[in-house]
């Protein structure tokens, strides 16, 4: 399985900006908050304003809830977001090792604890990450066709395992 080229666009963030403050939160803090949230709301797929504020309450001391909601491009008329589209980008921009972040993402989709996830799950995972990052950073995301092409080209025969994902972390 070959490595796929990956281009990273630098994002300039001023100290004190909401995005900078979110980046300073550790990945462990986000993952712990997510696990706690999903323990109480296991079947939630969309987060509306009240659930967003509840989720952010412990993590965003100092009243960052409203700023994070605005940063995600949500307003009174559109006050809900896909739970993974909201959570995954926050974990991606947090401090922590990429491998640990990928392991958390895979665990979210490996409900039967088989140790791997299917290609459609990887596509949903990638789409959630890309869409959510687009909301936070306002970069031009790749098309769904390109994401599908990536998944199809790189799909292992025995499923997407955490061990295989390490190839993309070097």
Protein backbone atom coordinates (compact mmCIF):
# COMPACT_ATOMS: atom_id res chain seq x y z
CA UNK A 1 0.00 0.00 0.00
CA UNK A 2 1.68 3.24 -1.12
CA UNK A 3 1.64 6.56 0.59
CA UNK A 4 -0.74 9.15 -0.75
CA UNK A 5 0.72 12.65 -1.10
CA UNK A 6 -0.74 15.05 1.43
CA UNK A 7 -0.49 18.81 1.12
CA UNK A 8 -0.87 20.89 4.26
CA UNK A 9 -1.91 24.51 3.97
CA UNK A 10 -0.65 26.63 6.87
CA UNK A 11 -3.28 28.50 8.85
CA UNK A 12 -2.29 31.69 10.64
CA UNK A 13 -3.96 32.04 14.03
CA UNK A 14 -3.38 35.00 16.32
CA UNK A 15 -2.97 34.33 20.05
CA UNK A 16 -6.24 34.90 21.86
CA UNK A 17 -8.40 33.98 18.87
CA UNK A 18 -11.02 31.32 19.58
CA UNK A 19 -9.28 28.88 17.23
CA UNK A 20 -5.99 29.41 19.09
CA UNK A 21 -7.68 28.78 22.43
CA UNK A 22 -9.29 25.60 21.08
CA UNK A 23 -5.92 24.43 19.74
CA UNK A 24 -4.44 24.71 23.22
CA UNK A 25 -6.95 22.21 24.61
CA UNK A 26 -5.42 18.76 24.76
CA UNK A 27 -6.73 15.96 22.63
CA UNK A 28 -7.29 13.97 25.83
CA UNK A 29 -9.59 16.69 27.17
CA UNK A 30 -11.68 16.64 23.97
CA UNK A 31 -11.78 12.82 23.88
CA UNK A 32 -12.74 12.58 27.55
CA UNK A 33 -15.51 15.13 27.03
CA UNK A 34 -16.71 13.23 23.95
CA UNK A 35 -16.74 9.88 25.78
CA UNK A 36 -18.66 11.42 28.66
CA UNK A 37 -21.10 13.07 26.26
CA UNK A 38 -21.69 9.86 24.28
CA UNK A 39 -22.21 7.90 27.50
CA UNK A 40 -25.22 10.15 28.15
CA UNK A 41 -26.32 10.69 24.53
CA UNK A 42 -25.32 7.50 22.71
CA UNK A 43 -27.79 7.87 19.83
CA UNK A 44 -27.36 11.58 19.15
CA UNK A 45 -26.45 12.30 15.53
CA UNK A 46 -27.08 16.06 15.35
CA UNK A 47 -26.14 18.59 18.01
CA UNK A 48 -28.56 21.45 18.50
CA UNK A 49 -27.64 24.63 20.38
CA UNK A 50 -28.52 23.30 23.86
CA UNK A 51 -26.47 20.12 23.40
CA UNK A 52 -23.57 22.13 21.94
CA UNK A 53 -23.56 24.42 24.95
CA UNK A 54 -23.76 21.44 27.32
CA UNK A 55 -20.88 19.69 25.55
CA UNK A 56 -18.73 22.84 25.58
CA UNK A 57 -19.58 23.87 29.15
CA UNK A 58 -16.74 22.05 30.92
CA UNK A 59 -14.17 22.54 28.16
CA UNK A 60 -14.62 26.20 27.44
CA UNK A 61 -14.24 28.10 30.64
CA UNK A 62 -14.64 31.83 30.25
CA UNK A 63 -17.77 31.75 28.11
CA UNK A 64 -16.31 30.41 24.88
CA UNK A 65 -19.47 28.47 24.04
CA UNK A 66 -21.00 31.25 21.94
CA UNK A 67 -17.70 31.99 20.18
CA UNK A 68 -17.22 28.31 19.27
CA UNK A 69 -20.79 28.08 17.99
CA UNK A 70 -20.19 31.17 15.83
CA UNK A 71 -16.80 29.84 14.70
CA UNK A 72 -18.57 26.73 13.42
CA UNK A 73 -20.76 28.98 11.30
CA UNK A 74 -23.91 28.31 13.29
CA UNK A 75 -26.49 30.97 13.99
CA UNK A 76 -30.08 31.19 15.16
CA UNK A 77 -31.46 29.91 11.85
CA UNK A 78 -28.96 27.02 11.62
CA UNK A 79 -28.36 25.94 15.18
CA UNK A 80 -27.50 22.28 14.67
CA UNK A 81 -24.55 20.31 13.32
CA UNK A 82 -23.54 16.70 12.77
CA UNK A 83 -21.90 15.44 15.97
CA UNK A 84 -18.80 14.12 14.14
CA UNK A 85 -18.53 17.21 11.92
CA UNK A 86 -18.34 19.24 15.12
CA UNK A 87 -16.18 16.97 17.29
CA UNK A 88 -13.59 15.52 14.90
CA UNK A 89 -12.13 18.85 13.70
CA UNK A 90 -11.81 20.06 17.30
CA UNK A 91 -9.83 16.92 18.10
CA UNK A 92 -7.77 17.34 14.92
CA UNK A 93 -6.71 20.90 15.80
CA UNK A 94 -6.04 20.08 19.46
CA UNK A 95 -2.61 19.31 20.85
CA UNK A 96 -1.76 15.62 20.74
CA UNK A 97 -0.36 12.88 18.51
CA UNK A 98 -2.06 12.27 15.19
CA UNK A 99 -1.96 8.50 15.78
CA UNK A 100 -3.99 8.88 18.99
CA UNK A 101 -6.51 11.06 17.18
CA UNK A 102 -6.95 8.48 14.42
CA UNK A 103 -7.38 5.73 17.01
CA UNK A 104 -10.17 7.73 18.66
CA UNK A 105 -11.90 8.29 15.30
CA UNK A 106 -11.68 4.60 14.40
CA UNK A 107 -13.05 3.62 17.83
CA UNK A 108 -16.07 5.89 17.26
CA UNK A 109 -16.99 3.87 14.14
CA UNK A 110 -15.95 0.42 15.42
CA UNK A 111 -19.11 -0.17 17.44
CA UNK A 112 -18.67 -3.95 17.55
CA UNK A 113 -15.03 -3.63 18.71
CA UNK A 114 -13.75 -5.68 15.76
CA UNK A 115 -10.54 -3.68 15.48
CA UNK A 116 -11.31 -2.29 12.02
CA UNK A 117 -13.87 -0.19 10.17
CA UNK A 118 -15.30 -0.43 6.67
CA UNK A 119 -14.45 1.81 3.74
CA UNK A 120 -17.87 3.53 3.89
CA UNK A 121 -17.14 4.36 7.53
CA UNK A 122 -13.76 5.81 6.54
CA UNK A 123 -15.52 7.92 3.91
CA UNK A 124 -17.98 9.24 6.54
CA UNK A 125 -15.07 9.89 8.91
CA UNK A 126 -13.09 11.80 6.26
CA UNK A 127 -16.14 13.75 5.12
CA UNK A 128 -16.94 14.73 8.71
CA UNK A 129 -13.37 15.89 9.31
CA UNK A 130 -13.15 17.85 6.07
CA UNK A 131 -16.56 19.48 6.43
CA UNK A 132 -15.92 20.42 10.04
CA UNK A 133 -12.45 21.80 9.31
CA UNK A 134 -13.98 23.83 6.51
CA UNK A 135 -16.39 25.36 9.01
CA UNK A 136 -13.57 26.19 11.45
CA UNK A 137 -10.85 27.36 9.08
CA UNK A 138 -12.77 28.28 5.92
CA UNK A 139 -10.50 26.39 3.52
CA UNK A 140 -11.69 24.90 0.25
CA UNK A 141 -12.43 21.22 0.95
CA UNK A 142 -11.83 18.39 -1.53
CA UNK A 143 -14.88 17.09 -3.33
CA UNK A 144 -16.72 14.00 -2.16
CA UNK A 145 -15.57 12.32 -5.38
CA UNK A 146 -11.91 12.87 -4.44
CA UNK A 147 -12.50 11.58 -0.92
CA UNK A 148 -14.24 8.49 -2.34
CA UNK A 149 -11.35 8.01 -4.76
CA UNK A 150 -8.87 8.17 -1.85
CA UNK A 151 -10.83 5.61 0.15
CA UNK A 152 -11.22 3.28 -2.84
CA UNK A 153 -7.55 3.55 -3.83
CA UNK A 154 -6.21 2.94 -0.33
CA UNK A 155 -8.78 0.49 1.05
CA UNK A 156 -7.09 -2.56 2.60
CA UNK A 157 -8.67 -5.92 1.84
CA UNK A 158 -9.24 -6.72 5.51
CA UNK A 159 -10.71 -3.36 6.60
CA UNK A 160 -9.26 -0.13 7.96
CA UNK A 161 -7.37 -1.06 11.11
CA UNK A 162 -5.65 1.25 13.54
CA UNK A 163 -2.33 -0.39 12.72
CA UNK A 164 -2.75 0.34 9.01
CA UNK A 165 -3.58 3.96 9.75
CA UNK A 166 -0.09 4.46 11.22
CA UNK A 167 1.23 4.49 7.65
CA UNK A 168 -0.36 7.92 7.19
CA UNK A 169 1.06 9.34 10.42
CA UNK A 170 4.75 9.34 9.47
